[in-house]
Amino acid sequence: MTSKNATPWASYDHESLKYFESYRGLYFSNIHRQLVKYLPNRINAKVLDIGCGSGRDALSLARRGYLVTAVDPSIKMLDLARLNNNHHNIEWFEDRLPELSTLEKNKYDFVLLSAVWMHVPPHERSAAISRISDLLEIDGHVAVSLRLGKPDPKRMMHPVSLEEILLHASNAGLSAIYCSKKHSDPLNRKEVCWQKVVFKKN
């Protein structure tokens, strides 16, 4: 049973090494192949990885020449990510949606939320999308992966839907420019599938 005081990232703190090893075994080029064409087309573009987890995506983005800000609410996951993905183009911060207070008024060309949205409570999602929109440059992109299927209560997940995030995004000045078909889980969990959406700030 989940404690009333538990945070959505508590399980990641408690089992950080297990999750780190699991996610590190997946490759950016495979997981996000549909999203690559929406990445900025210039070196030193500013990229924000929200819920960076193992740091796998942050490192791949940094190696592409981007200046990456990687944030995660789990301090233990963040410590592992920082230790194992050292790169001069990455800055690491402990932070969470919807506040992202450490980022202040920064602006980014691309924002990635990979396997994050299901952890955002429904009552915080409108504020979360608005905050992301505030952080985006005009014509910037945000890519979101949606976990579809039965939520895992041990990890404090919530149901998500394409329709819901499209509505929140539209209200925040973001237009959907790509929506993938549903696809199977890369960790081979039969009860889970994924869908990716890319938004552009108008």
C-alpha atoms as a PDB file:
ATOM      1  CA  MET A   1       0.000   0.000   0.000  1.00  0.00           C
ATOM      2  CA  THR A   2       1.306   3.445  -0.916  1.00  0.00           C
ATOM      3  CA  SER A   3       1.863   5.934   1.912  1.00  0.00           C
ATOM      4  CA  LYS A   4      -0.230   9.100   1.805  1.00  0.00           C
ATOM      5  CA  ASN A   5       2.988  11.075   2.153  1.00  0.00           C
ATOM      6  CA  ALA A   6       4.815   9.230  -0.607  1.00  0.00           C
ATOM      7  CA  THR A   7       5.916  11.208  -3.622  1.00  0.00           C
ATOM      8  CA  PRO A   8       5.541  10.033  -7.235  1.00  0.00           C
ATOM      9  CA  TRP A   9       9.320   9.554  -7.359  1.00  0.00           C
ATOM     10  CA  ALA A  10       9.664   7.674  -4.036  1.00  0.00           C
ATOM     11  CA  SER A  11      10.008   4.289  -5.744  1.00  0.00           C
ATOM     12  CA  TYR A  12      12.785   5.697  -7.942  1.00  0.00           C
ATOM     13  CA  ASP A  13      14.663   6.795  -4.832  1.00  0.00           C
ATOM     14  CA  HIS A  14      14.160   3.417  -3.153  1.00  0.00           C
ATOM     15  CA  GLU A  15      15.118   1.329  -6.188  1.00  0.00           C
ATOM     16  CA  SER A  16      17.248   3.780  -8.115  1.00  0.00           C
ATOM     17  CA  LEU A  17      19.903   1.305  -9.232  1.00  0.00           C
ATOM     18  CA  LYS A  18      17.321  -1.133 -10.615  1.00  0.00           C
ATOM     19  CA  TYR A  19      15.626   1.561 -12.673  1.00  0.00           C
ATOM     20  CA  PHE A  20      18.928   3.063 -13.745  1.00  0.00           C
ATOM     21  CA  GLU A  21      20.183  -0.245 -15.145  1.00  0.00           C
ATOM     22  CA  SER A  22      16.856  -0.968 -16.831  1.00  0.00           C
ATOM     23  CA  TYR A  23      16.631   2.374 -18.642  1.00  0.00           C
ATOM     24  CA  ARG A  24      20.305   2.564 -19.509  1.00  0.00           C
ATOM     25  CA  GLY A  25      19.911  -0.605 -21.595  1.00  0.00           C
ATOM     26  CA  LEU A  26      17.657   1.250 -24.039  1.00  0.00           C
ATOM     27  CA  TYR A  27      19.068   3.472 -26.775  1.00  0.00           C
ATOM     28  CA  PHE A  28      17.932   6.998 -27.642  1.00  0.00           C
ATOM     29  CA  SER A  29      18.105   6.307 -31.382  1.00  0.00           C
ATOM     30  CA  ASN A  30      15.685   3.390 -30.978  1.00  0.00           C
ATOM     31  CA  ILE A  31      13.320   4.786 -28.358  1.00  0.00           C
ATOM     32  CA  HIS A  32      12.998   8.225 -29.957  1.00  0.00           C
ATOM     33  CA  ARG A  33      13.635   7.553 -33.638  1.00  0.00           C
ATOM     34  CA  GLN A  34      10.332   9.254 -34.606  1.00  0.00           C
ATOM     35  CA  LEU A  35      11.382  12.407 -32.767  1.00  0.00           C
ATOM     36  CA  VAL A  36      14.857  12.958 -34.193  1.00  0.00           C
ATOM     37  CA  LYS A  37      13.656  15.077 -37.119  1.00  0.00           C
ATOM     38  CA  TYR A  38      12.095  17.548 -34.676  1.00  0.00           C
ATOM     39  CA  LEU A  39      15.357  18.187 -32.836  1.00  0.00           C
ATOM     40  CA  PRO A  40      16.987  21.603 -33.354  1.00  0.00           C
ATOM     41  CA  ASN A  41      19.110  21.832 -36.500  1.00  0.00           C
ATOM     42  CA  ARG A  42      21.917  23.855 -34.940  1.00  0.00           C
ATOM     43  CA  ILE A  43      24.752  23.167 -32.532  1.00  0.00           C
ATOM     44  CA  ASN A  44      24.448  24.699 -29.048  1.00  0.00           C
ATOM     45  CA  ALA A  45      20.662  24.838 -29.193  1.00  0.00           C
ATOM     46  CA  LYS A  46      19.181  24.675 -25.694  1.00  0.00           C
ATOM     47  CA  VAL A  47      17.393  21.438 -24.803  1.00  0.00           C
ATOM     48  CA  LEU A  48      15.487  20.597 -21.615  1.00  0.00           C
ATOM     49  CA  ASP A  49      15.085  16.973 -20.486  1.00  0.00           C
ATOM     50  CA  ILE A  50      12.308  16.884 -17.868  1.00  0.00           C
ATOM     51  CA  GLY A  51      12.363  13.725 -15.750  1.00  0.00           C
ATOM     52  CA  CYS A  52      15.785  12.764 -17.062  1.00  0.00           C
ATOM     53  CA  GLY A  53      15.900   9.535 -15.028  1.00  0.00           C
ATOM     54  CA  SER A  54      19.015   7.545 -15.894  1.00  0.00           C
ATOM     55  CA  GLY A  55      20.443  10.414 -17.953  1.00  0.00           C
ATOM     56  CA  ARG A  56      20.450   8.285 -21.103  1.00  0.00           C
ATOM     57  CA  ASP A  57      18.624  10.852 -23.222  1.00  0.00           C
ATOM     58  CA  ALA A  58      20.478  13.832 -21.774  1.00  0.00           C
ATOM     59  CA  LEU A  59      23.812  12.268 -22.696  1.00  0.00           C
ATOM     60  CA  SER A  60      22.690  11.412 -26.224  1.00  0.00           C
ATOM     61  CA  LEU A  61      21.421  14.953 -26.744  1.00  0.00           C
ATOM     62  CA  ALA A  62      24.640  16.453 -25.377  1.00  0.00           C
ATOM     63  CA  ARG A  63      26.684  14.302 -27.745  1.00  0.00           C
ATOM     64  CA  ARG A  64      24.675  15.777 -30.619  1.00  0.00           C
ATOM     65  CA  GLY A  65      26.048  19.181 -29.669  1.00  0.00           C
ATOM     66  CA  TYR A  66      23.109  20.575 -27.706  1.00  0.00           C
ATOM     67  CA  LEU A  67      23.340  22.436 -24.401  1.00  0.00           C
ATOM     68  CA  VAL A  68      21.247  20.218 -22.154  1.00  0.00           C
ATOM     69  CA  THR A  69      19.481  21.008 -18.907  1.00  0.00           C
ATOM     70  CA  ALA A  70      18.465  17.748 -17.208  1.00  0.00           C
ATOM     71  CA  VAL A  71      16.029  17.777 -14.289  1.00  0.00           C
ATOM     72  CA  ASP A  72      14.589  15.030 -12.120  1.00  0.00           C
ATOM     73  CA  PRO A  73      12.802  14.999  -8.741  1.00  0.00           C
ATOM     74  CA  SER A  74      14.566  11.821  -7.565  1.00  0.00           C
ATOM     75  CA  ILE A  75      17.860  12.856  -6.030  1.00  0.00           C
ATOM     76  CA  LYS A  76      19.176   9.281  -6.111  1.00  0.00           C
ATOM     77  CA  MET A  77      18.389   8.854  -9.798  1.00  0.00           C
ATOM     78  CA  LEU A  78      19.935  12.241 -10.446  1.00  0.00           C
ATOM     79  CA  ASP A  79      23.117  11.269  -8.597  1.00  0.00           C
ATOM     80  CA  LEU A  80      23.444   8.089 -10.681  1.00  0.00           C
ATOM     81  CA  ALA A  81      22.734   9.983 -13.896  1.00  0.00           C
ATOM     82  CA  ARG A  82      25.314  12.648 -13.107  1.00  0.00           C
ATOM     83  CA  LEU A  83      27.945  10.099 -12.088  1.00  0.00           C
ATOM     84  CA  ASN A  84      27.539   7.892 -15.152  1.00  0.00           C
ATOM     85  CA  ASN A  85      26.825  10.492 -17.847  1.00  0.00           C
ATOM     86  CA  ASN A  86      29.433  13.155 -17.228  1.00  0.00           C
ATOM     87  CA  HIS A  87      29.470  15.610 -20.139  1.00  0.00           C
ATOM     88  CA  HIS A  88      30.416  19.276 -20.279  1.00  0.00           C
ATOM     89  CA  ASN A  89      27.207  20.116 -22.171  1.00  0.00           C
ATOM     90  CA  ILE A  90      24.876  18.895 -19.393  1.00  0.00           C
ATOM     91  CA  GLU A  91      23.649  20.772 -16.331  1.00  0.00           C
ATOM     92  CA  TRP A  92      21.802  18.704 -13.704  1.00  0.00           C
ATOM     93  CA  PHE A  93      19.044  19.985 -11.400  1.00  0.00           C
ATOM     94  CA  GLU A  94      16.717  18.470  -8.817  1.00  0.00           C
ATOM     95  CA  ASP A  95      13.282  19.797  -9.775  1.00  0.00           C
ATOM     96  CA  ARG A  96       9.788  18.724 -10.775  1.00  0.00           C
ATOM     97  CA  LEU A  97       6.696  19.697 -12.694  1.00  0.00           C
ATOM     98  CA  PRO A  98       4.715  21.855 -12.561  1.00  0.00           C
ATOM     99  CA  GLU A  99       7.021  24.315 -10.774  1.00  0.00           C
ATOM    100  CA  LEU A 100      10.468  23.802 -12.329  1.00  0.00           C
ATOM    101  CA  SER A 101      11.463  26.739 -10.151  1.00  0.00           C
ATOM    102  CA  THR A 102      15.230  26.279 -10.598  1.00  0.00           C
ATOM    103  CA  LEU A 103      14.865  27.079 -14.297  1.00  0.00           C
ATOM    104  CA  GLU A 104      13.398  30.527 -13.576  1.00  0.00           C
ATOM    105  CA  LYS A 105      12.826  32.343 -16.896  1.00  0.00           C
ATOM    106  CA  ASN A 106      15.114  30.231 -19.065  1.00  0.00           C
ATOM    107  CA  LYS A 107      14.105  29.518 -22.658  1.00  0.00           C
ATOM    108  CA  TYR A 108      14.658  26.299 -24.615  1.00  0.00           C
ATOM    109  CA  ASP A 109      14.484  25.262 -28.249  1.00  0.00           C
ATOM    110  CA  PHE A 110      13.359  21.714 -27.478  1.00  0.00           C
ATOM    111  CA  VAL A 111      11.794  20.048 -24.431  1.00  0.00           C
ATOM    112  CA  LEU A 112      11.620  16.288 -23.890  1.00  0.00           C
ATOM    113  CA  LEU A 113       9.266  14.469 -21.516  1.00  0.00           C
ATOM    114  CA  SER A 114      10.030  10.782 -21.871  1.00  0.00           C
ATOM    115  CA  ALA A 115       7.931   8.495 -19.646  1.00  0.00           C
ATOM    116  CA  VAL A 116       7.035  11.388 -17.355  1.00  0.00           C
ATOM    117  CA  TRP A 117       3.485  12.542 -18.050  1.00  0.00           C
ATOM    118  CA  MET A 118       1.797   9.631 -16.227  1.00  0.00           C
ATOM    119  CA  HIS A 119       3.492  10.740 -12.998  1.00  0.00           C
ATOM    120  CA  VAL A 120       1.963  14.228 -13.160  1.00  0.00           C
ATOM    121  CA  PRO A 121      -1.305  14.252 -11.164  1.00  0.00           C
ATOM    122  CA  PRO A 122      -4.290  15.232 -13.325  1.00  0.00           C
ATOM    123  CA  HIS A 123      -4.982  18.372 -11.267  1.00  0.00           C
ATOM    124  CA  GLU A 124      -1.441  19.628 -11.996  1.00  0.00           C
ATOM    125  CA  ARG A 125      -1.368  18.928 -15.723  1.00  0.00           C
ATOM    126  CA  SER A 126      -2.770  22.227 -16.954  1.00  0.00           C
ATOM    127  CA  ALA A 127      -0.188  24.130 -14.903  1.00  0.00           C
ATOM    128  CA  ALA A 128       2.550  21.752 -16.066  1.00  0.00           C
ATOM    129  CA  ILE A 129       1.831  22.318 -19.755  1.00  0.00           C
ATOM    130  CA  SER A 130       1.595  26.070 -19.214  1.00  0.00           C
ATOM    131  CA  ARG A 131       4.987  26.063 -17.492  1.00  0.00           C
ATOM    132  CA  ILE A 132       6.523  24.069 -20.347  1.00  0.00           C
ATOM    133  CA  SER A 133       5.060  26.504 -22.871  1.00  0.00           C
ATOM    134  CA  ASP A 134       6.577  29.409 -20.926  1.00  0.00           C
ATOM    135  CA  LEU A 135       9.983  27.724 -21.139  1.00  0.00           C
ATOM    136  CA  LEU A 136       9.788  27.208 -24.914  1.00  0.00           C
ATOM    137  CA  GLU A 137      11.129  29.607 -27.495  1.00  0.00           C
ATOM    138  CA  ILE A 138       8.716  30.625 -30.249  1.00  0.00           C
ATOM    139  CA  ASP A 139       8.763  27.833 -32.875  1.00  0.00           C
ATOM    140  CA  GLY A 140      10.301  25.510 -30.269  1.00  0.00           C
ATOM    141  CA  HIS A 141       9.143  21.913 -29.915  1.00  0.00           C
ATOM    142  CA  VAL A 142       8.124  19.722 -27.002  1.00  0.00           C
ATOM    143  CA  ALA A 143       8.013  15.939 -27.367  1.00  0.00           C
ATOM    144  CA  VAL A 144       5.975  13.821 -24.958  1.00  0.00           C
ATOM    145  CA  SER A 145       5.716  10.051 -24.659  1.00  0.00           C
ATOM    146  CA  LEU A 146       2.390   8.833 -23.272  1.00  0.00           C
ATOM    147  CA  ARG A 147       2.253   5.587 -21.291  1.00  0.00           C
ATOM    148  CA  LEU A 148      -1.039   3.905 -22.149  1.00  0.00           C
ATOM    149  CA  GLY A 149      -2.306   0.993 -20.117  1.00  0.00           C
ATOM    150  CA  LYS A 150      -3.026   0.168 -16.510  1.00  0.00           C
ATOM    151  CA  PRO A 151      -1.111   2.544 -14.196  1.00  0.00           C
ATOM    152  CA  ASP A 152       1.367   1.065 -11.715  1.00  0.00           C
ATOM    153  CA  PRO A 153       0.155   2.164  -8.237  1.00  0.00           C
ATOM    154  CA  LYS A 154       3.535   1.387  -6.664  1.00  0.00           C
ATOM    155  CA  ARG A 155       5.031   4.150  -8.806  1.00  0.00           C
ATOM    156  CA  MET A 156       2.121   6.565  -8.276  1.00  0.00           C
ATOM    157  CA  MET A 157       1.032   6.721 -11.897  1.00  0.00           C
ATOM    158  CA  HIS A 158      -2.181   8.200 -13.240  1.00  0.00           C
ATOM    159  CA  PRO A 159      -4.175   7.422 -16.395  1.00  0.00           C
ATOM    160  CA  VAL A 160      -3.322   9.504 -19.452  1.00  0.00           C
ATOM    161  CA  SER A 161      -4.978  10.055 -22.793  1.00  0.00           C
ATOM    162  CA  LEU A 162      -4.099  11.736 -26.045  1.00  0.00           C
ATOM    163  CA  GLU A 163      -7.287  13.808 -25.944  1.00  0.00           C
ATOM    164  CA  GLU A 164      -6.465  15.256 -22.524  1.00  0.00           C
ATOM    165  CA  ILE A 165      -2.943  16.409 -23.355  1.00  0.00           C
ATOM    166  CA  LEU A 166      -4.085  17.848 -26.698  1.00  0.00           C
ATOM    167  CA  LEU A 167      -6.611  20.009 -24.846  1.00  0.00           C
ATOM    168  CA  HIS A 168      -4.103  21.219 -22.249  1.00  0.00           C
ATOM    169  CA  ALA A 169      -1.534  21.951 -24.944  1.00  0.00           C
ATOM    170  CA  SER A 170      -3.970  23.921 -27.073  1.00  0.00           C
ATOM    171  CA  ASN A 171      -4.923  26.049 -24.075  1.00  0.00           C
ATOM    172  CA  ALA A 172      -1.208  26.768 -23.506  1.00  0.00           C
ATOM    173  CA  GLY A 173      -0.531  27.920 -27.066  1.00  0.00           C
ATOM    174  CA  LEU A 174       0.975  24.663 -28.332  1.00  0.00           C
ATOM    175  CA  SER A 175      -0.070  22.988 -31.580  1.00  0.00           C
ATOM    176  CA  ALA A 176       0.244  19.255 -32.167  1.00  0.00           C
ATOM    177  CA  ILE A 177       2.311  18.638 -35.303  1.00  0.00           C
ATOM    178  CA  TYR A 178       2.973  14.909 -34.915  1.00  0.00           C
ATOM    179  CA  CYS A 179       1.201  12.014 -33.251  1.00  0.00           C
ATOM    180  CA  SER A 180       2.545   8.488 -33.550  1.00  0.00           C
ATOM    181  CA  LYS A 181       0.584   5.300 -33.689  1.00  0.00           C
ATOM    182  CA  LYS A 182       0.466   3.302 -30.490  1.00  0.00           C
ATOM    183  CA  HIS A 183       3.479   1.021 -30.207  1.00  0.00           C
ATOM    184  CA  SER A 184       4.648  -1.783 -27.947  1.00  0.00           C
ATOM    185  CA  ASP A 185       6.618  -1.317 -24.760  1.00  0.00           C
ATOM    186  CA  PRO A 186      10.428  -1.454 -25.238  1.00  0.00           C
ATOM    187  CA  LEU A 187      10.727  -3.348 -21.942  1.00  0.00           C
ATOM    188  CA  ASN A 188       8.260  -5.957 -23.245  1.00  0.00           C
ATOM    189  CA  ARG A 189       5.512  -5.308 -20.705  1.00  0.00           C
ATOM    190  CA  LYS A 190       2.408  -6.666 -22.418  1.00  0.00           C
ATOM    191  CA  GLU A 191       0.003  -4.468 -20.469  1.00  0.00           C
ATOM    192  CA  VAL A 192       1.734  -1.260 -21.574  1.00  0.00           C
ATOM    193  CA  CYS A 193       1.934   0.579 -24.892  1.00  0.00           C
ATOM    194  CA  TRP A 194       3.167   4.043 -25.821  1.00  0.00           C
ATOM    195  CA  GLN A 195       2.254   6.963 -28.030  1.00  0.00           C
ATOM    196  CA  LYS A 196       4.415   9.973 -28.864  1.00  0.00           C
ATOM    197  CA  VAL A 197       3.241  13.509 -29.509  1.00  0.00           C
ATOM    198  CA  VAL A 198       5.194  16.560 -30.674  1.00  0.00           C
ATOM    199  CA  PHE A 199       3.938  20.095 -30.126  1.00  0.00           C
ATOM    200  CA  LYS A 200       5.155  23.389 -31.554  1.00  0.00           C
ATOM    201  CA  LYS A 201       4.877  26.768 -29.868  1.00  0.00           C
ATOM    202  CA  ASN A 202       3.094  29.273 -32.071  1.00  0.00           C
END
